[in-house]
């Protein structure tokens, strides 16, 4: 059985995403359709737009189909199918009601809740702070941490993710399970393990940080506990903004794992369309590689696939996915959670973030990904988005990164705190790796060992 058709392969991944998006209360009322055909007995339905996920040369690409283009073209007129796609090339097709630009924000809010159902239960953003009770993340009763002493660890997730990601990631390996047990057991280094659930698409990181600041202020009022903060990916920016807004916070250490402290090229305005293709191809390639080797895909891959599919549906009309026309920079502004991460010279949010006036020690870890040629799906993706030597001459249309990266974040961005660079021992460069990428940092024993040294040991 091939990786693409296996029960754990890419076909199953995208079928599951389509099913999730078609469920009641989905982000954009999306219905899956593999062929675009209706049975002869099907009742007529209102015209809907669609995005089609197609495979070309082993990689994925999104193609937008406007609602009005579903009609049969007049004789002699060119069909909207400018790419002459064949049904066998379609991985999945998602239909949805056409969205105007003023409806995109609402769609992003619904997508955030689809990715993280906890958000739909919150009365206010500050209620996203939760505590690990030994089995799950639970809400914080008023005053429950008022007398807390010692240290507390606060985990902050990244884009398309949720706090539930952390226990899944650490549970994936023996070393991860051992570290998680050390953090959560009685008599361990932490008197409490906290996590912050927050929207990552409709809201900018500094607004997440504002809610986290309020939550910590309320929860720890009267407490003498010190905080250690751990953020993955975009979660690192939320933590940095928290330290920026609350310089008096009793924070001992802030630890960033693969975080775009200076932004990521994947969120640059002129690369947003390519970013959606790249992220879909990344989820697809990681799933295919895992299925071929008989291993489980990283826990976060399913959320990545769901998030990028939801974004493609919400932004299909605005970005004209599949078109070759230039993209206006303003389009990325429709997604505040991405705009704030753009690795561009005029990113006004990042320009105001640094330097930090904080007593907390800053620590960061990250690396770059370079697969071997035998890892065909990942090798193809890496070659298409990374500029090395003269590759740009051949792959220029798809380039995202012009330097080493982990397939989501530029490596040079991971230890750049404004004009200050984090250096050893505050910075750990994993170097190039054929196995570790942005989606599986917490399965690398080097990362787990480093986290144990930084977050489990006494001062």
Protein backbone atom coordinates (compact mmCIF):
# COMPACT_ATOMS: atom_id res chain seq x y z
CA UNK A 1 0.00 0.00 0.00
CA UNK A 2 1.42 3.38 -0.99
CA UNK A 3 1.86 6.25 1.43
CA UNK A 4 -0.68 8.36 -0.43
CA UNK A 5 -3.49 5.82 -0.29
CA UNK A 6 -2.86 4.29 3.12
CA UNK A 7 -5.17 4.85 6.06
CA UNK A 8 -2.55 7.17 7.57
CA UNK A 9 -1.35 8.75 4.32
CA UNK A 10 -2.01 12.11 2.66
CA UNK A 11 -5.33 11.05 1.08
CA UNK A 12 -6.68 10.18 4.51
CA UNK A 13 -5.30 13.45 5.89
CA UNK A 14 -7.10 15.65 3.37
CA UNK A 15 -10.29 13.59 3.49
CA UNK A 16 -10.33 14.13 7.24
CA UNK A 17 -9.78 17.86 6.79
CA UNK A 18 -12.67 18.05 4.32
CA UNK A 19 -14.91 16.19 6.74
CA UNK A 20 -13.95 18.51 9.60
CA UNK A 21 -14.59 21.65 7.56
CA UNK A 22 -17.93 20.30 6.31
CA UNK A 23 -19.16 19.61 9.85
CA UNK A 24 -21.85 21.85 11.40
CA UNK A 25 -20.54 25.25 12.53
CA UNK A 26 -17.40 24.86 10.40
CA UNK A 27 -15.34 27.92 9.59
CA UNK A 28 -16.95 28.64 6.26
CA UNK A 29 -19.69 26.03 5.84
CA UNK A 30 -17.40 24.10 3.52
CA UNK A 31 -18.57 20.93 1.83
CA UNK A 32 -16.04 18.42 0.40
CA UNK A 33 -16.28 17.39 -3.23
CA UNK A 34 -13.64 15.22 -4.93
CA UNK A 35 -14.98 15.50 -8.46
CA UNK A 36 -17.20 18.57 -8.70
CA UNK A 37 -20.02 16.41 -10.16
CA UNK A 38 -23.57 16.01 -8.85
CA UNK A 39 -25.70 12.93 -9.18
CA UNK A 40 -28.59 13.14 -11.59
CA UNK A 41 -31.10 13.07 -8.76
CA UNK A 42 -29.45 15.77 -6.65
CA UNK A 43 -31.51 18.85 -5.90
CA UNK A 44 -30.25 22.14 -7.25
CA UNK A 45 -28.25 24.12 -4.72
CA UNK A 46 -27.16 27.75 -4.61
CA UNK A 47 -23.99 28.41 -6.55
CA UNK A 48 -20.89 28.14 -4.38
CA UNK A 49 -17.26 29.01 -4.80
CA UNK A 50 -14.57 26.40 -4.25
CA UNK A 51 -10.89 25.86 -3.79
CA UNK A 52 -9.31 22.81 -5.35
CA UNK A 53 -6.14 21.25 -3.92
CA UNK A 54 -4.17 19.78 -6.82
CA UNK A 55 -0.93 17.86 -7.02
CA UNK A 56 1.66 19.02 -9.54
CA UNK A 57 5.10 17.44 -9.78
CA UNK A 58 4.60 15.87 -6.37
CA UNK A 59 3.68 19.15 -4.60
CA UNK A 60 0.35 20.75 -3.78
CA UNK A 61 -1.24 23.94 -5.04
CA UNK A 62 -4.52 25.70 -4.28
CA UNK A 63 -6.75 26.81 -7.16
CA UNK A 64 -9.74 29.08 -6.57
CA UNK A 65 -12.96 28.55 -8.55
CA UNK A 66 -15.32 31.56 -8.46
CA UNK A 67 -18.99 30.72 -8.03
CA UNK A 68 -20.03 32.29 -11.31
CA UNK A 69 -17.40 30.29 -13.21
CA UNK A 70 -19.16 26.97 -12.47
CA UNK A 71 -21.46 27.62 -15.41
CA UNK A 72 -20.66 26.02 -18.78
CA UNK A 73 -18.71 28.56 -20.87
CA UNK A 74 -20.17 29.87 -24.09
CA UNK A 75 -18.85 28.29 -27.32
CA UNK A 76 -15.51 29.69 -28.33
CA UNK A 77 -14.84 31.22 -24.90
CA UNK A 78 -11.97 30.03 -22.78
CA UNK A 79 -12.98 28.15 -19.66
CA UNK A 80 -11.87 29.31 -16.21
CA UNK A 81 -9.85 26.08 -16.03
CA UNK A 82 -6.70 27.84 -17.16
CA UNK A 83 -4.58 25.03 -15.74
CA UNK A 84 -6.50 22.32 -17.64
CA UNK A 85 -6.78 20.28 -14.45
CA UNK A 86 -7.91 16.69 -14.73
CA UNK A 87 -10.01 15.01 -12.01
CA UNK A 88 -7.21 12.53 -11.31
CA UNK A 89 -4.94 15.45 -10.32
CA UNK A 90 -7.35 16.70 -7.67
CA UNK A 91 -6.45 15.76 -4.11
CA UNK A 92 -9.52 17.37 -2.55
CA UNK A 93 -12.08 19.99 -3.47
CA UNK A 94 -13.74 22.27 -0.89
CA UNK A 95 -16.91 24.24 -1.69
CA UNK A 96 -18.13 27.18 0.38
CA UNK A 97 -20.37 30.25 0.19
CA UNK A 98 -18.55 33.11 -1.51
CA UNK A 99 -17.03 35.53 1.00
CA UNK A 100 -16.65 39.25 0.56
CA UNK A 101 -13.69 41.04 2.11
CA UNK A 102 -15.81 42.30 4.99
CA UNK A 103 -16.70 38.70 5.86
CA UNK A 104 -13.14 37.39 6.04
CA UNK A 105 -12.59 38.44 9.66
CA UNK A 106 -15.68 36.55 10.80
CA UNK A 107 -14.52 33.50 8.85
CA UNK A 108 -11.10 33.70 10.53
CA UNK A 109 -12.73 33.88 13.95
CA UNK A 110 -14.75 30.76 13.15
CA UNK A 111 -11.63 29.03 11.85
CA UNK A 112 -9.75 29.87 15.06
CA UNK A 113 -12.52 28.19 17.02
CA UNK A 114 -12.50 25.19 14.70
CA UNK A 115 -8.76 24.78 15.27
CA UNK A 116 -9.08 25.31 19.02
CA UNK A 117 -12.58 24.45 20.34
CA UNK A 118 -11.65 25.80 23.78
CA UNK A 119 -11.96 29.32 22.37
CA UNK A 120 -15.70 28.87 21.87
CA UNK A 121 -16.15 28.29 25.60
CA UNK A 122 -14.36 31.43 26.79
CA UNK A 123 -16.29 34.39 28.14
CA UNK A 124 -13.33 36.71 27.50
CA UNK A 125 -9.80 36.31 26.09
CA UNK A 126 -8.16 36.24 29.55
CA UNK A 127 -10.09 33.06 30.35
CA UNK A 128 -7.76 31.21 27.98
CA UNK A 129 -5.27 30.68 30.82
CA UNK A 130 -5.74 27.13 32.09
CA UNK A 131 -4.08 24.71 34.50
CA UNK A 132 -2.96 21.09 34.04
CA UNK A 133 -4.78 18.93 36.60
CA UNK A 134 -2.91 15.71 35.84
CA UNK A 135 -5.27 14.65 33.06
CA UNK A 136 -6.28 17.73 31.08
CA UNK A 137 -6.17 21.52 30.89
CA UNK A 138 -8.92 22.94 33.09
CA UNK A 139 -10.20 26.47 33.75
CA UNK A 140 -8.75 28.42 36.66
CA UNK A 141 -11.24 29.02 39.50
CA UNK A 142 -11.02 32.53 40.89
CA UNK A 143 -8.18 32.88 43.40
CA UNK A 144 -6.91 29.31 42.97
CA UNK A 145 -3.30 30.49 42.51
CA UNK A 146 -3.36 33.38 44.96
CA UNK A 147 -1.14 31.62 47.49
CA UNK A 148 1.09 29.86 44.99
CA UNK A 149 4.77 29.72 45.94
CA UNK A 150 7.83 28.56 44.05
CA UNK A 151 7.69 28.47 40.26
CA UNK A 152 5.03 28.05 37.59
CA UNK A 153 5.59 27.10 33.95
CA UNK A 154 3.42 28.78 31.30
CA UNK A 155 3.14 27.18 27.84
CA UNK A 156 2.04 29.22 24.80
CA UNK A 157 1.15 27.49 21.52
CA UNK A 158 1.70 28.67 17.95
CA UNK A 159 -0.35 29.25 14.79
CA UNK A 160 -3.10 26.71 13.96
CA UNK A 161 -2.52 25.14 17.36
CA UNK A 162 -3.91 24.79 20.89
CA UNK A 163 -2.59 24.04 24.37
CA UNK A 164 -3.63 20.41 23.87
CA UNK A 165 -0.71 20.20 21.42
CA UNK A 166 1.84 20.14 24.20
CA UNK A 167 0.83 16.96 26.00
CA UNK A 168 0.45 15.20 22.63
CA UNK A 169 3.89 16.29 21.45
CA UNK A 170 5.63 15.27 24.68
CA UNK A 171 3.74 11.98 24.77
CA UNK A 172 5.15 11.01 21.35
CA UNK A 173 8.58 9.90 22.64
CA UNK A 174 9.98 8.28 25.82
CA UNK A 175 12.20 11.32 26.45
CA UNK A 176 9.23 13.62 26.04
CA UNK A 177 7.09 11.60 28.43
CA UNK A 178 9.88 11.65 31.01
CA UNK A 179 10.24 15.44 30.79
CA UNK A 180 6.47 15.97 30.98
CA UNK A 181 6.34 13.74 34.08
CA UNK A 182 9.14 15.73 35.68
CA UNK A 183 7.29 19.00 35.09
CA UNK A 184 3.91 17.75 36.32
CA UNK A 185 4.73 15.41 39.21
CA UNK A 186 4.42 16.41 42.85
CA UNK A 187 7.74 17.57 44.20
CA UNK A 188 8.94 18.58 40.73
CA UNK A 189 10.37 21.98 39.79
CA UNK A 190 6.94 23.55 39.24
CA UNK A 191 4.12 24.24 41.67
CA UNK A 192 1.75 24.70 38.71
CA UNK A 193 1.76 24.01 34.97
CA UNK A 194 -0.27 26.58 33.02
CA UNK A 195 -1.10 27.04 29.34
CA UNK A 196 -2.73 29.82 27.37
CA UNK A 197 -5.30 29.10 24.64
CA UNK A 198 -5.72 31.98 22.21
CA UNK A 199 -6.77 32.71 18.60
CA UNK A 200 -3.83 32.83 16.19
CA UNK A 201 -5.34 34.06 12.90
CA UNK A 202 -7.94 36.76 13.59
CA UNK A 203 -5.86 38.36 16.35
CA UNK A 204 -2.34 39.83 16.41
CA UNK A 205 0.20 38.44 18.93
CA UNK A 206 0.27 41.67 20.94
CA UNK A 207 -3.48 41.37 21.60
CA UNK A 208 -2.97 37.77 22.74
CA UNK A 209 -0.24 39.05 25.05
CA UNK A 210 -2.55 41.70 26.46
CA UNK A 211 -5.07 39.00 27.39
CA UNK A 212 -2.33 36.80 28.87
CA UNK A 213 -1.01 39.72 30.94
CA UNK A 214 -4.47 40.32 32.39
CA UNK A 215 -4.98 36.61 33.05
CA UNK A 216 -1.69 36.22 34.91
CA UNK A 217 -2.27 39.40 36.88
CA UNK A 218 -5.63 38.12 38.08
CA UNK A 219 -4.60 34.51 38.68
CA UNK A 220 -1.38 35.29 40.56
CA UNK A 221 -2.58 38.28 42.55
CA UNK A 222 -0.98 38.00 45.97
CA UNK A 223 1.29 35.16 44.86
CA UNK A 224 5.07 35.21 45.13
CA UNK A 225 5.56 32.58 42.40
CA UNK A 226 8.10 33.15 39.63
CA UNK A 227 7.24 32.31 36.04
CA UNK A 228 9.07 30.35 33.37
CA UNK A 229 7.58 30.88 29.91
CA UNK A 230 7.83 28.45 26.98
CA UNK A 231 6.57 29.35 23.52
CA UNK A 232 6.62 27.40 20.26
CA UNK A 233 6.64 29.26 16.94
CA UNK A 234 4.25 32.25 17.06
CA UNK A 235 3.79 31.56 20.77
CA UNK A 236 7.27 33.01 21.25
CA UNK A 237 6.07 36.35 19.88
CA UNK A 238 3.14 36.32 22.32
CA UNK A 239 5.61 35.80 25.18
CA UNK A 240 7.91 38.53 23.90
CA UNK A 241 4.98 40.97 23.73
CA UNK A 242 3.96 39.92 27.24
CA UNK A 243 7.41 40.83 28.55
CA UNK A 244 7.25 44.10 26.61
CA UNK A 245 3.90 45.04 28.17
CA UNK A 246 4.58 43.79 31.69
CA UNK A 247 8.21 44.62 32.59
CA UNK A 248 7.46 44.06 36.29
CA UNK A 249 6.21 40.52 35.69
CA UNK A 250 8.02 38.02 37.92
CA UNK A 251 9.39 36.12 34.95
CA UNK A 252 12.55 34.09 35.49
CA UNK A 253 13.12 32.67 32.00
CA UNK A 254 11.50 32.92 28.59
CA UNK A 255 12.25 30.05 26.22
CA UNK A 256 11.53 30.22 22.49
CA UNK A 257 11.38 27.09 20.30
CA UNK A 258 11.53 27.75 16.54
CA UNK A 259 10.01 31.20 17.08
CA UNK A 260 9.94 33.93 14.39
CA UNK A 261 11.37 36.59 16.70
CA UNK A 262 12.31 38.64 13.64
CA UNK A 263 9.40 37.33 11.55
CA UNK A 264 9.14 34.64 8.93
CA UNK A 265 9.41 34.91 5.15
CA UNK A 266 6.38 32.63 4.93
CA UNK A 267 4.21 35.51 6.22
CA UNK A 268 5.63 38.18 3.92
CA UNK A 269 2.79 39.93 2.05
CA UNK A 270 4.00 39.08 -1.44
CA UNK A 271 4.34 35.39 -0.57
CA UNK A 272 0.98 34.68 1.02
CA UNK A 273 -0.37 32.65 -1.89
CA UNK A 274 2.81 30.62 -2.05
CA UNK A 275 2.71 30.20 1.73
CA UNK A 276 -0.66 28.44 1.48
CA UNK A 277 0.78 26.09 -1.15
CA UNK A 278 3.91 25.52 0.92
CA UNK A 279 2.06 24.74 4.15
CA UNK A 280 -0.28 22.33 2.38
CA UNK A 281 2.69 20.61 0.74
CA UNK A 282 4.47 20.47 4.11
CA UNK A 283 1.54 18.71 5.82
CA UNK A 284 1.22 16.39 2.82
CA UNK A 285 4.94 15.55 2.63
CA UNK A 286 5.35 14.95 6.37
CA UNK A 287 2.32 12.64 6.35
CA UNK A 288 3.59 10.76 3.30
CA UNK A 289 7.06 10.32 4.80
CA UNK A 290 5.62 9.08 8.10
CA UNK A 291 3.29 6.62 6.36
CA UNK A 292 6.09 5.25 4.21
CA UNK A 293 8.31 4.60 7.21
CA UNK A 294 5.51 3.20 9.37
CA UNK A 295 5.78 6.04 11.89
CA UNK A 296 3.08 8.31 13.24
CA UNK A 297 2.99 11.82 11.81
CA UNK A 298 3.70 14.63 14.32
CA UNK A 299 0.52 15.50 16.26
CA UNK A 300 0.41 19.04 14.90
CA UNK A 301 0.25 18.07 11.22
CA UNK A 302 -3.50 17.51 11.24
CA UNK A 303 -4.10 20.97 12.70
CA UNK A 304 -1.72 22.48 10.13
CA UNK A 305 -3.65 20.86 7.27
CA UNK A 306 -6.99 21.96 8.71
CA UNK A 307 -5.76 25.51 9.25
CA UNK A 308 -4.31 26.01 5.80
CA UNK A 309 -7.40 24.52 4.12
CA UNK A 310 -9.63 26.85 6.12
CA UNK A 311 -7.46 29.83 5.16
CA UNK A 312 -7.54 28.84 1.49
CA UNK A 313 -11.34 28.81 1.59
CA UNK A 314 -11.58 32.11 3.49
CA UNK A 315 -9.08 33.90 1.25
CA UNK A 316 -9.63 32.15 -2.08
CA UNK A 317 -11.48 35.03 -3.68
CA UNK A 318 -9.22 37.76 -2.30
CA UNK A 319 -5.97 36.03 -3.23
CA UNK A 320 -7.24 34.53 -6.50
CA UNK A 321 -5.46 31.28 -5.71
CA UNK A 322 -4.01 29.62 -8.76
CA UNK A 323 -3.81 32.86 -10.72
CA UNK A 324 -0.51 34.20 -12.04
CA UNK A 325 -1.38 37.84 -11.47
CA UNK A 326 0.58 39.85 -8.86
CA UNK A 327 -0.80 39.94 -5.33
CA UNK A 328 -1.39 43.24 -3.55
CA UNK A 329 0.47 43.60 -0.27
CA UNK A 330 -2.76 44.64 1.44
CA UNK A 331 -4.22 41.13 1.12
CA UNK A 332 -2.13 39.70 3.96
CA UNK A 333 -3.53 42.43 6.21
CA UNK A 334 -6.80 40.52 6.24
CA UNK A 335 -5.09 37.97 8.51
CA UNK A 336 -3.73 39.94 11.50
CA UNK A 337 -2.14 36.86 13.05
CA UNK A 338 0.03 36.40 9.95
CA UNK A 339 0.69 40.05 9.16
CA UNK A 340 2.42 40.50 12.53
CA UNK A 341 4.90 37.74 11.64
CA UNK A 342 6.01 39.04 8.23
CA UNK A 343 9.77 39.12 7.79
CA UNK A 344 9.90 42.46 6.01
CA UNK A 345 11.78 45.67 6.71
CA UNK A 346 8.61 47.68 7.40
CA UNK A 347 6.92 45.32 9.86
CA UNK A 348 5.80 48.05 12.25
CA UNK A 349 4.71 45.63 14.98
CA UNK A 350 8.06 43.85 15.22
CA UNK A 351 9.84 47.20 15.04
CA UNK A 352 8.05 48.27 18.24
CA UNK A 353 8.54 44.95 20.05
CA UNK A 354 12.28 45.19 20.67
CA UNK A 355 14.22 45.80 22.86
CA UNK A 356 12.58 44.21 25.90
CA UNK A 357 12.84 45.82 29.32
CA UNK A 358 12.62 42.65 31.40
CA UNK A 359 14.44 40.82 34.16
CA UNK A 360 13.73 37.50 32.47
CA UNK A 361 16.56 35.55 30.84
CA UNK A 362 15.88 34.92 27.15
CA UNK A 363 16.73 31.52 25.67
CA UNK A 364 16.06 30.24 22.17
CA UNK A 365 16.57 27.03 20.21
CA UNK A 366 16.10 26.22 16.54
CA UNK A 367 17.79 24.92 13.43
CA UNK A 368 17.42 24.36 9.71
CA UNK A 369 15.96 21.48 7.75
CA UNK A 370 17.66 19.81 4.82
CA UNK A 371 16.22 16.42 3.92
CA UNK A 372 18.07 13.70 2.07
CA UNK A 373 17.10 12.91 -1.51
CA UNK A 374 15.52 9.63 -0.42
CA UNK A 375 12.85 11.60 1.47
CA UNK A 376 11.26 12.43 -1.86
CA UNK A 377 8.21 14.50 -0.80
CA UNK A 378 10.16 16.63 1.67
CA UNK A 379 13.13 16.93 -0.70
CA UNK A 380 10.85 18.24 -3.45
CA UNK A 381 9.28 20.78 -1.13
CA UNK A 382 12.61 21.94 0.28
CA UNK A 383 14.07 22.39 -3.21
CA UNK A 384 11.07 24.41 -4.36
CA UNK A 385 10.96 26.92 -1.50
CA UNK A 386 14.64 27.33 -0.57
CA UNK A 387 17.14 29.34 -2.57
CA UNK A 388 20.58 27.75 -2.50
CA UNK A 389 23.23 28.70 -5.05
CA UNK A 390 21.55 28.84 -8.46
CA UNK A 391 18.33 26.99 -7.59
CA UNK A 392 16.40 30.23 -7.92
CA UNK A 393 16.91 30.20 -11.68
CA UNK A 394 14.89 27.00 -11.94
CA UNK A 395 12.54 27.22 -8.96
CA UNK A 396 12.17 30.99 -8.90
CA UNK A 397 8.37 31.02 -9.11
CA UNK A 398 8.03 29.14 -5.84
CA UNK A 399 10.84 30.55 -3.72
CA UNK A 400 9.94 31.55 -0.18
CA UNK A 401 13.22 31.47 1.76
CA UNK A 402 16.58 32.84 0.66
CA UNK A 403 18.46 31.34 3.60
CA UNK A 404 18.40 28.29 5.90
CA UNK A 405 15.01 27.57 7.46
CA UNK A 406 12.98 24.87 9.19
CA UNK A 407 10.33 24.97 6.39
CA UNK A 408 8.26 27.54 8.31
CA UNK A 409 10.65 30.01 9.97
CA UNK A 410 13.94 31.48 8.75
CA UNK A 411 16.69 30.11 11.02
CA UNK A 412 18.29 33.55 11.36
CA UNK A 413 15.04 34.88 12.80
CA UNK A 414 15.01 32.48 15.75
CA UNK A 415 17.66 34.24 17.85
CA UNK A 416 17.29 37.81 16.61
CA UNK A 417 15.88 39.90 19.47
CA UNK A 418 15.79 43.20 17.62
CA UNK A 419 19.33 44.53 17.20
CA UNK A 420 20.50 42.07 19.84
CA UNK A 421 21.43 38.51 18.92
CA UNK A 422 21.02 35.72 21.43
CA UNK A 423 24.31 33.82 21.66
CA UNK A 424 25.39 30.67 23.53
CA UNK A 425 24.50 29.66 26.16
CA UNK A 426 21.25 31.58 25.58
CA UNK A 427 21.01 30.31 21.98
CA UNK A 428 21.20 26.68 20.86
CA UNK A 429 21.67 26.16 17.13
CA UNK A 430 20.64 22.63 16.17
CA UNK A 431 22.28 23.08 12.79
CA UNK A 432 21.06 21.40 9.58
CA UNK A 433 18.99 18.27 10.08
CA UNK A 434 17.36 15.72 7.79
CA UNK A 435 14.77 14.80 10.41
CA UNK A 436 13.93 17.80 12.59
CA UNK A 437 11.69 20.51 11.14
CA UNK A 438 9.18 23.03 12.42
CA UNK A 439 6.47 20.45 13.06
CA UNK A 440 8.44 18.04 15.25
CA UNK A 441 10.87 20.01 17.45
CA UNK A 442 9.47 18.39 20.58
CA UNK A 443 10.35 14.93 19.29
CA UNK A 444 14.06 15.76 18.97
CA UNK A 445 15.95 14.45 22.02
CA UNK A 446 18.40 17.36 21.74
CA UNK A 447 15.53 19.83 22.14
CA UNK A 448 14.03 17.88 25.03
CA UNK A 449 17.39 17.69 26.80
CA UNK A 450 17.96 21.40 26.31
CA UNK A 451 14.49 22.22 27.66
CA UNK A 452 15.13 20.01 30.66
CA UNK A 453 18.34 21.87 31.42
CA UNK A 454 16.75 25.30 31.06
CA UNK A 455 13.39 24.64 32.71
CA UNK A 456 13.91 21.85 35.22
CA UNK A 457 17.20 22.71 36.87
CA UNK A 458 17.47 25.15 39.79
CA UNK A 459 19.07 28.58 39.30
